[in-house]
Amino acid sequence: MSIAIGNDSLFGAVGATRDTSDKTSKLETKLNSDLNTLTDNELMDVCKSFESYFVEQLFKEMRKTVPDNGDKNEYLNYFGDMLYQEYAEKVTDSKDLGIAQMLYESMKRNK
């Protein structure tokens, strides 16, 4: 994700440091590996990664529902993805949703 503003690519470089596609590919790699060989902590990390990614996608889709009145926050355009990733990680760390825990228990049972 590179965002060019005239000749200034600073914001594009910062936004690219936490690219969603990189996060998705790491999650896919973990999920495609043999889950029987994972330790309990590694399995829980995979489940937390999935929950975090899922919540991040929810935030992004919710943002699309806000009408564009032409006066969008410039920083949100540049750093919005990073903000949503941080929000998703905080929600996942708070364990309020419990998606990771339910997924972990289900995968543990079916191992």
PDB file of N, CA and C in Angstrom:
ATOM      1  N   MET A   1       0.845  -1.168   0.000  1.00  0.00           N
ATOM      2  CA  MET A   1       0.000   0.000   0.000  1.00  0.00           C
ATOM      3  C   MET A   1       0.882   1.219   0.000  1.00  0.00           C
ATOM      4  N   SER A   2       1.078   1.818  -1.095  1.00  0.00           N
ATOM      5  CA  SER A   2       1.888   3.015  -1.186  1.00  0.00           C
ATOM      6  C   SER A   2       1.004   4.170  -1.582  1.00  0.00           C
ATOM      7  N   ILE A   3       1.048   5.218  -0.791  1.00  0.00           N
ATOM      8  CA  ILE A   3       0.230   6.389  -1.047  1.00  0.00           C
ATOM      9  C   ILE A   3       1.158   7.513  -1.459  1.00  0.00           C
ATOM     10  N   ALA A   4       0.971   8.038  -2.627  1.00  0.00           N
ATOM     11  CA  ALA A   4       1.808   9.137  -3.094  1.00  0.00           C
ATOM     12  C   ALA A   4       1.033  10.429  -3.005  1.00  0.00           C
ATOM     13  N   ILE A   5       1.646  11.420  -2.392  1.00  0.00           N
ATOM     14  CA  ILE A   5       1.042  12.747  -2.294  1.00  0.00           C
ATOM     15  C   ILE A   5       1.978  13.676  -3.031  1.00  0.00           C
ATOM     16  N   GLY A   6       1.645  13.947  -4.261  1.00  0.00           N
ATOM     17  CA  GLY A   6       2.556  14.738  -5.076  1.00  0.00           C
ATOM     18  C   GLY A   6       3.873  13.989  -5.192  1.00  0.00           C
ATOM     19  N   ASN A   7       4.943  14.610  -4.772  1.00  0.00           N
ATOM     20  CA  ASN A   7       6.256  13.978  -4.801  1.00  0.00           C
ATOM     21  C   ASN A   7       6.634  13.405  -3.447  1.00  0.00           C
ATOM     22  N   ASP A   8       5.764  13.529  -2.459  1.00  0.00           N
ATOM     23  CA  ASP A   8       6.084  13.095  -1.104  1.00  0.00           C
ATOM     24  C   ASP A   8       5.567  11.678  -0.889  1.00  0.00           C
ATOM     25  N   SER A   9       6.472  10.732  -0.707  1.00  0.00           N
ATOM     26  CA  SER A   9       6.063   9.350  -0.489  1.00  0.00           C
ATOM     27  C   SER A   9       6.274   8.919   0.954  1.00  0.00           C
ATOM     28  N   LEU A  10       6.470   9.894   1.865  1.00  0.00           N
ATOM     29  CA  LEU A  10       6.692   9.591   3.279  1.00  0.00           C
ATOM     30  C   LEU A  10       5.519   8.817   3.858  1.00  0.00           C
ATOM     31  N   PHE A  11       4.312   9.291   3.597  1.00  0.00           N
ATOM     32  CA  PHE A  11       3.151   8.628   4.162  1.00  0.00           C
ATOM     33  C   PHE A  11       2.974   7.237   3.597  1.00  0.00           C
ATOM     34  N   GLY A  12       3.300   7.035   2.336  1.00  0.00           N
ATOM     35  CA  GLY A  12       3.221   5.717   1.728  1.00  0.00           C
ATOM     36  C   GLY A  12       4.187   4.760   2.368  1.00  0.00           C
ATOM     37  N   ALA A  13       5.374   5.226   2.682  1.00  0.00           N
ATOM     38  CA  ALA A  13       6.377   4.367   3.312  1.00  0.00           C
ATOM     39  C   ALA A  13       5.941   3.975   4.712  1.00  0.00           C
ATOM     40  N   VAL A  14       5.360   4.908   5.452  1.00  0.00           N
ATOM     41  CA  VAL A  14       4.900   4.597   6.807  1.00  0.00           C
ATOM     42  C   VAL A  14       3.733   3.632   6.757  1.00  0.00           C
ATOM     43  N   GLY A  15       2.793   3.861   5.847  1.00  0.00           N
ATOM     44  CA  GLY A  15       1.635   2.980   5.742  1.00  0.00           C
ATOM     45  C   GLY A  15       2.008   1.580   5.303  1.00  0.00           C
ATOM     46  N   ALA A  16       3.073   1.467   4.538  1.00  0.00           N
ATOM     47  CA  ALA A  16       3.472   0.165   4.016  1.00  0.00           C
ATOM     48  C   ALA A  16       4.136  -0.696   5.080  1.00  0.00           C
ATOM     49  N   THR A  17       4.566  -0.091   6.201  1.00  0.00           N
ATOM     50  CA  THR A  17       5.262  -0.878   7.212  1.00  0.00           C
ATOM     51  C   THR A  17       4.351  -1.890   7.871  1.00  0.00           C
ATOM     52  N   ARG A  18       3.059  -1.643   7.899  1.00  0.00           N
ATOM     53  CA  ARG A  18       2.127  -2.573   8.515  1.00  0.00           C
ATOM     54  C   ARG A  18       1.061  -2.942   7.515  1.00  0.00           C
ATOM     55  N   ASP A  19       1.455  -3.469   6.412  1.00  0.00           N
ATOM     56  CA  ASP A  19       0.565  -3.808   5.313  1.00  0.00           C
ATOM     57  C   ASP A  19      -0.346  -4.964   5.694  1.00  0.00           C
ATOM     58  N   THR A  20      -1.621  -4.848   5.385  1.00  0.00           N
ATOM     59  CA  THR A  20      -2.589  -5.881   5.709  1.00  0.00           C
ATOM     60  C   THR A  20      -2.310  -7.171   4.961  1.00  0.00           C
ATOM     61  N   SER A  21      -1.830  -7.071   3.726  1.00  0.00           N
ATOM     62  CA  SER A  21      -1.572  -8.289   2.964  1.00  0.00           C
ATOM     63  C   SER A  21      -0.473  -9.116   3.620  1.00  0.00           C
ATOM     64  N   ASP A  22       0.493  -8.470   4.246  1.00  0.00           N
ATOM     65  CA  ASP A  22       1.554  -9.177   4.957  1.00  0.00           C
ATOM     66  C   ASP A  22       0.959  -9.931   6.144  1.00  0.00           C
ATOM     67  N   LYS A  23       0.056  -9.284   6.855  1.00  0.00           N
ATOM     68  CA  LYS A  23      -0.597  -9.913   8.003  1.00  0.00           C
ATOM     69  C   LYS A  23      -1.446 -11.093   7.546  1.00  0.00           C
ATOM     70  N   THR A  24      -2.130 -10.920   6.429  1.00  0.00           N
ATOM     71  CA  THR A  24      -2.964 -11.990   5.889  1.00  0.00           C
ATOM     72  C   THR A  24      -2.117 -13.183   5.471  1.00  0.00           C
ATOM     73  N   SER A  25      -0.977 -12.923   4.828  1.00  0.00           N
ATOM     74  CA  SER A  25      -0.145 -14.033   4.376  1.00  0.00           C
ATOM     75  C   SER A  25       0.448 -14.797   5.558  1.00  0.00           C
ATOM     76  N   LYS A  26       0.804 -14.096   6.630  1.00  0.00           N
ATOM     77  CA  LYS A  26       1.312 -14.782   7.825  1.00  0.00           C
ATOM     78  C   LYS A  26       0.233 -15.668   8.433  1.00  0.00           C
ATOM     79  N   LEU A  27      -0.984 -15.147   8.492  1.00  0.00           N
ATOM     80  CA  LEU A  27      -2.101 -15.919   9.035  1.00  0.00           C
ATOM     81  C   LEU A  27      -2.381 -17.130   8.159  1.00  0.00           C
ATOM     82  N   GLU A  28      -2.375 -16.957   6.853  1.00  0.00           N
ATOM     83  CA  GLU A  28      -2.603 -18.079   5.941  1.00  0.00           C
ATOM     84  C   GLU A  28      -1.529 -19.143   6.097  1.00  0.00           C
ATOM     85  N   THR A  29      -0.288 -18.721   6.262  1.00  0.00           N
ATOM     86  CA  THR A  29       0.810 -19.665   6.445  1.00  0.00           C
ATOM     87  C   THR A  29       0.602 -20.485   7.709  1.00  0.00           C
ATOM     88  N   LYS A  30       0.210 -19.820   8.776  1.00  0.00           N
ATOM     89  CA  LYS A  30      -0.026 -20.527  10.038  1.00  0.00           C
ATOM     90  C   LYS A  30      -1.187 -21.506   9.907  1.00  0.00           C
ATOM     91  N   LEU A  31      -2.263 -21.053   9.261  1.00  0.00           N
ATOM     92  CA  LEU A  31      -3.441 -21.908   9.135  1.00  0.00           C
ATOM     93  C   LEU A  31      -3.213 -23.073   8.185  1.00  0.00           C
ATOM     94  N   ASN A  32      -2.350 -22.898   7.207  1.00  0.00           N
ATOM     95  CA  ASN A  32      -2.066 -23.973   6.258  1.00  0.00           C
ATOM     96  C   ASN A  32      -1.047 -24.970   6.788  1.00  0.00           C
ATOM     97  N   SER A  33      -0.386 -24.636   7.879  1.00  0.00           N
ATOM     98  CA  SER A  33       0.572 -25.576   8.457  1.00  0.00           C
ATOM     99  C   SER A  33      -0.187 -26.694   9.166  1.00  0.00           C
ATOM    100  N   ASP A  34       0.519 -27.728   9.530  1.00  0.00           N
ATOM    101  CA  ASP A  34      -0.094 -28.851  10.231  1.00  0.00           C
ATOM    102  C   ASP A  34      -0.407 -28.423  11.654  1.00  0.00           C
ATOM    103  N   LEU A  35      -1.679 -28.259  11.959  1.00  0.00           N
ATOM    104  CA  LEU A  35      -2.084 -27.770  13.281  1.00  0.00           C
ATOM    105  C   LEU A  35      -1.816 -28.786  14.382  1.00  0.00           C
ATOM    106  N   ASN A  36      -1.636 -30.041  14.014  1.00  0.00           N
ATOM    107  CA  ASN A  36      -1.348 -31.075  15.019  1.00  0.00           C
ATOM    108  C   ASN A  36       0.038 -30.901  15.626  1.00  0.00           C
ATOM    109  N   THR A  37       0.923 -30.232  14.925  1.00  0.00           N
ATOM    110  CA  THR A  37       2.288 -30.056  15.430  1.00  0.00           C
ATOM    111  C   THR A  37       2.445 -28.795  16.277  1.00  0.00           C
ATOM    112  N   LEU A  38       1.422 -27.965  16.332  1.00  0.00           N
ATOM    113  CA  LEU A  38       1.508 -26.722  17.095  1.00  0.00           C
ATOM    114  C   LEU A  38       1.344 -26.973  18.583  1.00  0.00           C
ATOM    115  N   THR A  39       2.073 -26.210  19.377  1.00  0.00           N
ATOM    116  CA  THR A  39       1.880 -26.260  20.826  1.00  0.00           C
ATOM    117  C   THR A  39       0.612 -25.484  21.156  1.00  0.00           C
ATOM    118  N   ASP A  40       0.172 -25.601  22.399  1.00  0.00           N
ATOM    119  CA  ASP A  40      -1.041 -24.889  22.811  1.00  0.00           C
ATOM    120  C   ASP A  40      -0.887 -23.376  22.659  1.00  0.00           C
ATOM    121  N   ASN A  41       0.282 -22.854  23.011  1.00  0.00           N
ATOM    122  CA  ASN A  41       0.512 -21.413  22.894  1.00  0.00           C
ATOM    123  C   ASN A  41       0.512 -20.965  21.436  1.00  0.00           C
ATOM    124  N   GLU A  42       1.130 -21.758  20.569  1.00  0.00           N
ATOM    125  CA  GLU A  42       1.144 -21.417  19.149  1.00  0.00           C
ATOM    126  C   GLU A  42      -0.260 -21.472  18.554  1.00  0.00           C
ATOM    127  N   LEU A  43      -1.044 -22.445  18.956  1.00  0.00           N
ATOM    128  CA  LEU A  43      -2.420 -22.563  18.479  1.00  0.00           C
ATOM    129  C   LEU A  43      -3.241 -21.363  18.938  1.00  0.00           C
ATOM    130  N   MET A  44      -3.050 -20.954  20.182  1.00  0.00           N
ATOM    131  CA  MET A  44      -3.779 -19.789  20.694  1.00  0.00           C
ATOM    132  C   MET A  44      -3.342 -18.524  19.953  1.00  0.00           C
ATOM    133  N   ASP A  45      -2.064 -18.416  19.614  1.00  0.00           N
ATOM    134  CA  ASP A  45      -1.583 -17.265  18.842  1.00  0.00           C
ATOM    135  C   ASP A  45      -2.233 -17.206  17.472  1.00  0.00           C
ATOM    136  N   VAL A  46      -2.399 -18.365  16.837  1.00  0.00           N
ATOM    137  CA  VAL A  46      -3.070 -18.419  15.540  1.00  0.00           C
ATOM    138  C   VAL A  46      -4.523 -17.965  15.687  1.00  0.00           C
ATOM    139  N   CYS A  47      -5.172 -18.415  16.718  1.00  0.00           N
ATOM    140  CA  CYS A  47      -6.575 -18.031  16.954  1.00  0.00           C
ATOM    141  C   CYS A  47      -6.701 -16.537  17.242  1.00  0.00           C
ATOM    142  N   LYS A  48      -5.762 -15.992  18.002  1.00  0.00           N
ATOM    143  CA  LYS A  48      -5.774 -14.553  18.287  1.00  0.00           C
ATOM    144  C   LYS A  48      -5.500 -13.752  17.023  1.00  0.00           C
ATOM    145  N   SER A  49      -4.606 -14.243  16.188  1.00  0.00           N
ATOM    146  CA  SER A  49      -4.318 -13.566  14.921  1.00  0.00           C
ATOM    147  C   SER A  49      -5.559 -13.526  14.042  1.00  0.00           C
ATOM    148  N   PHE A  50      -6.273 -14.634  14.007  1.00  0.00           N
ATOM    149  CA  PHE A  50      -7.501 -14.677  13.203  1.00  0.00           C
ATOM    150  C   PHE A  50      -8.530 -13.695  13.760  1.00  0.00           C
ATOM    151  N   GLU A  51      -8.722 -13.702  15.074  1.00  0.00           N
ATOM    152  CA  GLU A  51      -9.704 -12.788  15.680  1.00  0.00           C
ATOM    153  C   GLU A  51      -9.317 -11.338  15.407  1.00  0.00           C
ATOM    154  N   SER A  52      -8.056 -11.013  15.544  1.00  0.00           N
ATOM    155  CA  SER A  52      -7.591  -9.655  15.301  1.00  0.00           C
ATOM    156  C   SER A  52      -7.839  -9.246  13.852  1.00  0.00           C
ATOM    157  N   TYR A  53      -7.525 -10.132  12.916  1.00  0.00           N
ATOM    158  CA  TYR A  53      -7.756  -9.851  11.505  1.00  0.00           C
ATOM    159  C   TYR A  53      -9.255  -9.670  11.225  1.00  0.00           C
ATOM    160  N   PHE A  54     -10.063 -10.528  11.796  1.00  0.00           N
ATOM    161  CA  PHE A  54     -11.513 -10.458  11.612  1.00  0.00           C
ATOM    162  C   PHE A  54     -12.069  -9.129  12.126  1.00  0.00           C
ATOM    163  N   VAL A  55     -11.659  -8.727  13.325  1.00  0.00           N
ATOM    164  CA  VAL A  55     -12.139  -7.476  13.911  1.00  0.00           C
ATOM    165  C   VAL A  55     -11.656  -6.279  13.091  1.00  0.00           C
ATOM    166  N   GLU A  56     -10.429  -6.351  12.610  1.00  0.00           N
ATOM    167  CA  GLU A  56      -9.895  -5.271  11.766  1.00  0.00           C
ATOM    168  C   GLU A  56     -10.748  -5.098  10.515  1.00  0.00           C
ATOM    169  N   GLN A  57     -11.119  -6.197   9.889  1.00  0.00           N
ATOM    170  CA  GLN A  57     -11.957  -6.127   8.694  1.00  0.00           C
ATOM    171  C   GLN A  57     -13.331  -5.547   9.030  1.00  0.00           C
ATOM    172  N   LEU A  58     -13.853  -5.872  10.207  1.00  0.00           N
ATOM    173  CA  LEU A  58     -15.127  -5.286  10.627  1.00  0.00           C
ATOM    174  C   LEU A  58     -15.023  -3.771  10.754  1.00  0.00           C
ATOM    175  N   PHE A  59     -13.949  -3.299  11.388  1.00  0.00           N
ATOM    176  CA  PHE A  59     -13.756  -1.860  11.527  1.00  0.00           C
ATOM    177  C   PHE A  59     -13.670  -1.172  10.167  1.00  0.00           C
ATOM    178  N   LYS A  60     -12.961  -1.771   9.246  1.00  0.00           N
ATOM    179  CA  LYS A  60     -12.822  -1.184   7.913  1.00  0.00           C
ATOM    180  C   LYS A  60     -14.158  -1.123   7.192  1.00  0.00           C
ATOM    181  N   GLU A  61     -14.954  -2.181   7.314  1.00  0.00           N
ATOM    182  CA  GLU A  61     -16.265  -2.190   6.667  1.00  0.00           C
ATOM    183  C   GLU A  61     -17.214  -1.197   7.334  1.00  0.00           C
ATOM    184  N   MET A  62     -17.112  -1.052   8.659  1.00  0.00           N
ATOM    185  CA  MET A  62     -17.954  -0.073   9.352  1.00  0.00           C
ATOM    186  C   MET A  62     -17.592   1.342   8.909  1.00  0.00           C
ATOM    187  N   ARG A  63     -16.315   1.599   8.688  1.00  0.00           N
ATOM    188  CA  ARG A  63     -15.871   2.924   8.241  1.00  0.00           C
ATOM    189  C   ARG A  63     -16.497   3.278   6.894  1.00  0.00           C
ATOM    190  N   LYS A  64     -16.688   2.280   6.051  1.00  0.00           N
ATOM    191  CA  LYS A  64     -17.285   2.523   4.735  1.00  0.00           C
ATOM    192  C   LYS A  64     -18.734   2.984   4.838  1.00  0.00           C
ATOM    193  N   THR A  65     -19.391   2.721   5.957  1.00  0.00           N
ATOM    194  CA  THR A  65     -20.790   3.113   6.104  1.00  0.00           C
ATOM    195  C   THR A  65     -20.954   4.578   6.487  1.00  0.00           C
ATOM    196  N   VAL A  66     -19.861   5.224   6.883  1.00  0.00           N
ATOM    197  CA  VAL A  66     -19.920   6.641   7.249  1.00  0.00           C
ATOM    198  C   VAL A  66     -19.938   7.460   5.964  1.00  0.00           C
ATOM    199  N   PRO A  67     -20.954   8.307   5.802  1.00  0.00           N
ATOM    200  CA  PRO A  67     -21.049   9.085   4.561  1.00  0.00           C
ATOM    201  C   PRO A  67     -19.839   9.999   4.378  1.00  0.00           C
ATOM    202  N   ASP A  68     -19.398  10.130   3.143  1.00  0.00           N
ATOM    203  CA  ASP A  68     -18.277  11.000   2.802  1.00  0.00           C
ATOM    204  C   ASP A  68     -18.827  12.381   2.488  1.00  0.00           C
ATOM    205  N   ASN A  69     -18.562  13.323   3.381  1.00  0.00           N
ATOM    206  CA  ASN A  69     -19.052  14.680   3.146  1.00  0.00           C
ATOM    207  C   ASN A  69     -17.968  15.557   2.517  1.00  0.00           C
ATOM    208  N   GLY A  70     -16.909  14.939   2.031  1.00  0.00           N
ATOM    209  CA  GLY A  70     -15.843  15.680   1.372  1.00  0.00           C
ATOM    210  C   GLY A  70     -14.845  16.291   2.334  1.00  0.00           C
ATOM    211  N   ASP A  71     -15.090  16.172   3.626  1.00  0.00           N
ATOM    212  CA  ASP A  71     -14.215  16.772   4.632  1.00  0.00           C
ATOM    213  C   ASP A  71     -13.609  15.679   5.503  1.00  0.00           C
ATOM    214  N   LYS A  72     -13.090  14.629   4.869  1.00  0.00           N
ATOM    215  CA  LYS A  72     -12.489  13.526   5.617  1.00  0.00           C
ATOM    216  C   LYS A  72     -11.210  13.991   6.291  1.00  0.00           C
ATOM    217  N   ASN A  73     -10.931  13.376   7.399  1.00  0.00           N
ATOM    218  CA  ASN A  73      -9.705  13.663   8.115  1.00  0.00           C
ATOM    219  C   ASN A  73      -8.523  13.158   7.291  1.00  0.00           C
ATOM    220  N   GLU A  74      -7.582  14.040   6.989  1.00  0.00           N
ATOM    221  CA  GLU A  74      -6.442  13.685   6.149  1.00  0.00           C
ATOM    222  C   GLU A  74      -5.595  12.587   6.774  1.00  0.00           C
ATOM    223  N   TYR A  75      -5.424  12.642   8.079  1.00  0.00           N
ATOM    224  CA  TYR A  75      -4.608  11.635   8.755  1.00  0.00           C
ATOM    225  C   TYR A  75      -5.275  10.260   8.734  1.00  0.00           C
ATOM    226  N   LEU A  76      -6.591  10.234   8.802  1.00  0.00           N
ATOM    227  CA  LEU A  76      -7.297   8.965   8.744  1.00  0.00           C
ATOM    228  C   LEU A  76      -7.112   8.302   7.383  1.00  0.00           C
ATOM    229  N   ASN A  77      -7.018   9.111   6.342  1.00  0.00           N
ATOM    230  CA  ASN A  77      -6.745   8.554   5.014  1.00  0.00           C
ATOM    231  C   ASN A  77      -5.391   7.877   4.971  1.00  0.00           C
ATOM    232  N   TYR A  78      -4.400   8.445   5.632  1.00  0.00           N
ATOM    233  CA  TYR A  78      -3.038   7.915   5.591  1.00  0.00           C
ATOM    234  C   TYR A  78      -2.790   6.814   6.610  1.00  0.00           C
ATOM    235  N   PHE A  79      -3.318   7.000   7.801  1.00  0.00           N
ATOM    236  CA  PHE A  79      -2.991   6.097   8.898  1.00  0.00           C
ATOM    237  C   PHE A  79      -4.177   5.282   9.395  1.00  0.00           C
ATOM    238  N   GLY A  80      -5.275   5.303   8.668  1.00  0.00           N
ATOM    239  CA  GLY A  80      -6.478   4.597   9.088  1.00  0.00           C
ATOM    240  C   GLY A  80      -6.269   3.107   9.265  1.00  0.00           C
ATOM    241  N   ASP A  81      -5.544   2.477   8.341  1.00  0.00           N
ATOM    242  CA  ASP A  81      -5.299   1.035   8.443  1.00  0.00           C
ATOM    243  C   ASP A  81      -4.528   0.696   9.713  1.00  0.00           C
ATOM    244  N   MET A  82      -3.545   1.519  10.031  1.00  0.00           N
ATOM    245  CA  MET A  82      -2.768   1.285  11.257  1.00  0.00           C
ATOM    246  C   MET A  82      -3.651   1.454  12.492  1.00  0.00           C
ATOM    247  N   LEU A  83      -4.526   2.443  12.451  1.00  0.00           N
ATOM    248  CA  LEU A  83      -5.438   2.689  13.564  1.00  0.00           C
ATOM    249  C   LEU A  83      -6.372   1.500  13.762  1.00  0.00           C
ATOM    250  N   TYR A  84      -6.920   0.985  12.671  1.00  0.00           N
ATOM    251  CA  TYR A  84      -7.833  -0.159  12.775  1.00  0.00           C
ATOM    252  C   TYR A  84      -7.112  -1.410  13.255  1.00  0.00           C
ATOM    253  N   GLN A  85      -5.851  -1.581  12.858  1.00  0.00           N
ATOM    254  CA  GLN A  85      -5.072  -2.717  13.348  1.00  0.00           C
ATOM    255  C   GLN A  85      -4.861  -2.614  14.853  1.00  0.00           C
ATOM    256  N   GLU A  86      -4.551  -1.424  15.325  1.00  0.00           N
ATOM    257  CA  GLU A  86      -4.349  -1.223  16.764  1.00  0.00           C
ATOM    258  C   GLU A  86      -5.647  -1.461  17.532  1.00  0.00           C
ATOM    259  N   TYR A  87      -6.755  -0.930  17.027  1.00  0.00           N
ATOM    260  CA  TYR A  87      -8.052  -1.163  17.667  1.00  0.00           C
ATOM    261  C   TYR A  87      -8.357  -2.652  17.737  1.00  0.00           C
ATOM    262  N   ALA A  88      -8.121  -3.354  16.629  1.00  0.00           N
ATOM    263  CA  ALA A  88      -8.408  -4.790  16.580  1.00  0.00           C
ATOM    264  C   ALA A  88      -7.544  -5.554  17.575  1.00  0.00           C
ATOM    265  N   GLU A  89      -6.273  -5.181  17.686  1.00  0.00           N
ATOM    266  CA  GLU A  89      -5.392  -5.850  18.648  1.00  0.00           C
ATOM    267  C   GLU A  89      -5.838  -5.588  20.084  1.00  0.00           C
ATOM    268  N   LYS A  90      -6.279  -4.368  20.360  1.00  0.00           N
ATOM    269  CA  LYS A  90      -6.762  -4.035  21.713  1.00  0.00           C
ATOM    270  C   LYS A  90      -8.022  -4.826  22.048  1.00  0.00           C
ATOM    271  N   VAL A  91      -8.936  -4.932  21.092  1.00  0.00           N
ATOM    272  CA  VAL A  91     -10.162  -5.702  21.313  1.00  0.00           C
ATOM    273  C   VAL A  91      -9.822  -7.166  21.554  1.00  0.00           C
ATOM    274  N   THR A  92      -8.909  -7.711  20.771  1.00  0.00           N
ATOM    275  CA  THR A  92      -8.510  -9.106  20.916  1.00  0.00           C
ATOM    276  C   THR A  92      -7.819  -9.340  22.257  1.00  0.00           C
ATOM    277  N   ASP A  93      -6.950  -8.416  22.644  1.00  0.00           N
ATOM    278  CA  ASP A  93      -6.235  -8.554  23.918  1.00  0.00           C
ATOM    279  C   ASP A  93      -7.171  -8.444  25.118  1.00  0.00           C
ATOM    280  N   SER A  94      -8.262  -7.699  24.973  1.00  0.00           N
ATOM    281  CA  SER A  94      -9.205  -7.545  26.092  1.00  0.00           C
ATOM    282  C   SER A  94     -10.043  -8.800  26.325  1.00  0.00           C
ATOM    283  N   LYS A  95     -10.058  -9.700  25.345  1.00  0.00           N
ATOM    284  CA  LYS A  95     -10.790 -10.970  25.420  1.00  0.00           C
ATOM    285  C   LYS A  95     -12.296 -10.780  25.616  1.00  0.00           C
ATOM    286  N   ASP A  96     -12.812  -9.626  25.222  1.00  0.00           N
ATOM    287  CA  ASP A  96     -14.241  -9.356  25.370  1.00  0.00           C
ATOM    288  C   ASP A  96     -15.088 -10.133  24.374  1.00  0.00           C
ATOM    289  N   LEU A  97     -14.589 -10.335  23.170  1.00  0.00           N
ATOM    290  CA  LEU A  97     -15.365 -11.053  22.166  1.00  0.00           C
ATOM    291  C   LEU A  97     -15.326 -12.555  22.387  1.00  0.00           C
ATOM    292  N   GLY A  98     -14.157 -13.085  22.655  1.00  0.00           N
ATOM    293  CA  GLY A  98     -14.018 -14.507  22.919  1.00  0.00           C
ATOM    294  C   GLY A  98     -13.977 -15.386  21.687  1.00  0.00           C
ATOM    295  N   ILE A  99     -13.845 -14.780  20.512  1.00  0.00           N
ATOM    296  CA  ILE A  99     -13.789 -15.569  19.281  1.00  0.00           C
ATOM    297  C   ILE A  99     -12.556 -16.455  19.282  1.00  0.00           C
ATOM    298  N   ALA A 100     -11.416 -15.893  19.687  1.00  0.00           N
ATOM    299  CA  ALA A 100     -10.169 -16.668  19.703  1.00  0.00           C
ATOM    300  C   ALA A 100     -10.283 -17.855  20.655  1.00  0.00           C
ATOM    301  N   GLN A 101     -10.876 -17.649  21.816  1.00  0.00           N
ATOM    302  CA  GLN A 101     -11.011 -18.727  22.794  1.00  0.00           C
ATOM    303  C   GLN A 101     -11.924 -19.829  22.279  1.00  0.00           C
ATOM    304  N   MET A 102     -13.052 -19.452  21.671  1.00  0.00           N
ATOM    305  CA  MET A 102     -13.965 -20.460  21.121  1.00  0.00           C
ATOM    306  C   MET A 102     -13.313 -21.234  19.981  1.00  0.00           C
ATOM    307  N   LEU A 103     -12.594 -20.522  19.123  1.00  0.00           N
ATOM    308  CA  LEU A 103     -11.904 -21.167  18.014  1.00  0.00           C
ATOM    309  C   LEU A 103     -10.821 -22.106  18.537  1.00  0.00           C
ATOM    310  N   TYR A 104     -10.080 -21.656  19.538  1.00  0.00           N
ATOM    311  CA  TYR A 104      -9.032 -22.476  20.148  1.00  0.00           C
ATOM    312  C   TYR A 104      -9.612 -23.773  20.720  1.00  0.00           C
ATOM    313  N   GLU A 105     -10.697 -23.655  21.476  1.00  0.00           N
ATOM    314  CA  GLU A 105     -11.320 -24.839  22.072  1.00  0.00           C
ATOM    315  C   GLU A 105     -11.829 -25.797  21.008  1.00  0.00           C
ATOM    316  N   SER A 106     -12.402 -25.254  19.941  1.00  0.00           N
ATOM    317  CA  SER A 106     -12.898 -26.096  18.858  1.00  0.00           C
ATOM    318  C   SER A 106     -11.761 -26.817  18.145  1.00  0.00           C
ATOM    319  N   MET A 107     -10.677 -26.086  17.865  1.00  0.00           N
ATOM    320  CA  MET A 107      -9.542 -26.703  17.175  1.00  0.00           C
ATOM    321  C   MET A 107      -8.845 -27.715  18.076  1.00  0.00           C
ATOM    322  N   LYS A 108      -8.796 -27.443  19.349  1.00  0.00           N
ATOM    323  CA  LYS A 108      -8.163 -28.343  20.297  1.00  0.00           C
ATOM    324  C   LYS A 108      -8.947 -29.668  20.372  1.00  0.00           C
ATOM    325  N   ARG A 109     -10.267 -29.559  20.357  1.00  0.00           N
ATOM    326  CA  ARG A 109     -11.132 -30.729  20.403  1.00  0.00           C
ATOM    327  C   ARG A 109     -11.003 -31.599  19.162  1.00  0.00           C
ATOM    328  N   ASN A 110     -10.836 -30.948  18.015  1.00  0.00           N
ATOM    329  CA  ASN A 110     -10.790 -31.651  16.733  1.00  0.00           C
ATOM    330  C   ASN A 110      -9.377 -31.976  16.266  1.00  0.00           C
ATOM    331  N   LYS A 111      -8.397 -31.777  17.091  1.00  0.00           N
ATOM    332  CA  LYS A 111      -6.999 -32.022  16.721  1.00  0.00           C
ATOM    333  C   LYS A 111      -6.733 -33.475  16.485  1.00  0.00           C
TER     334      LYS A 111
END
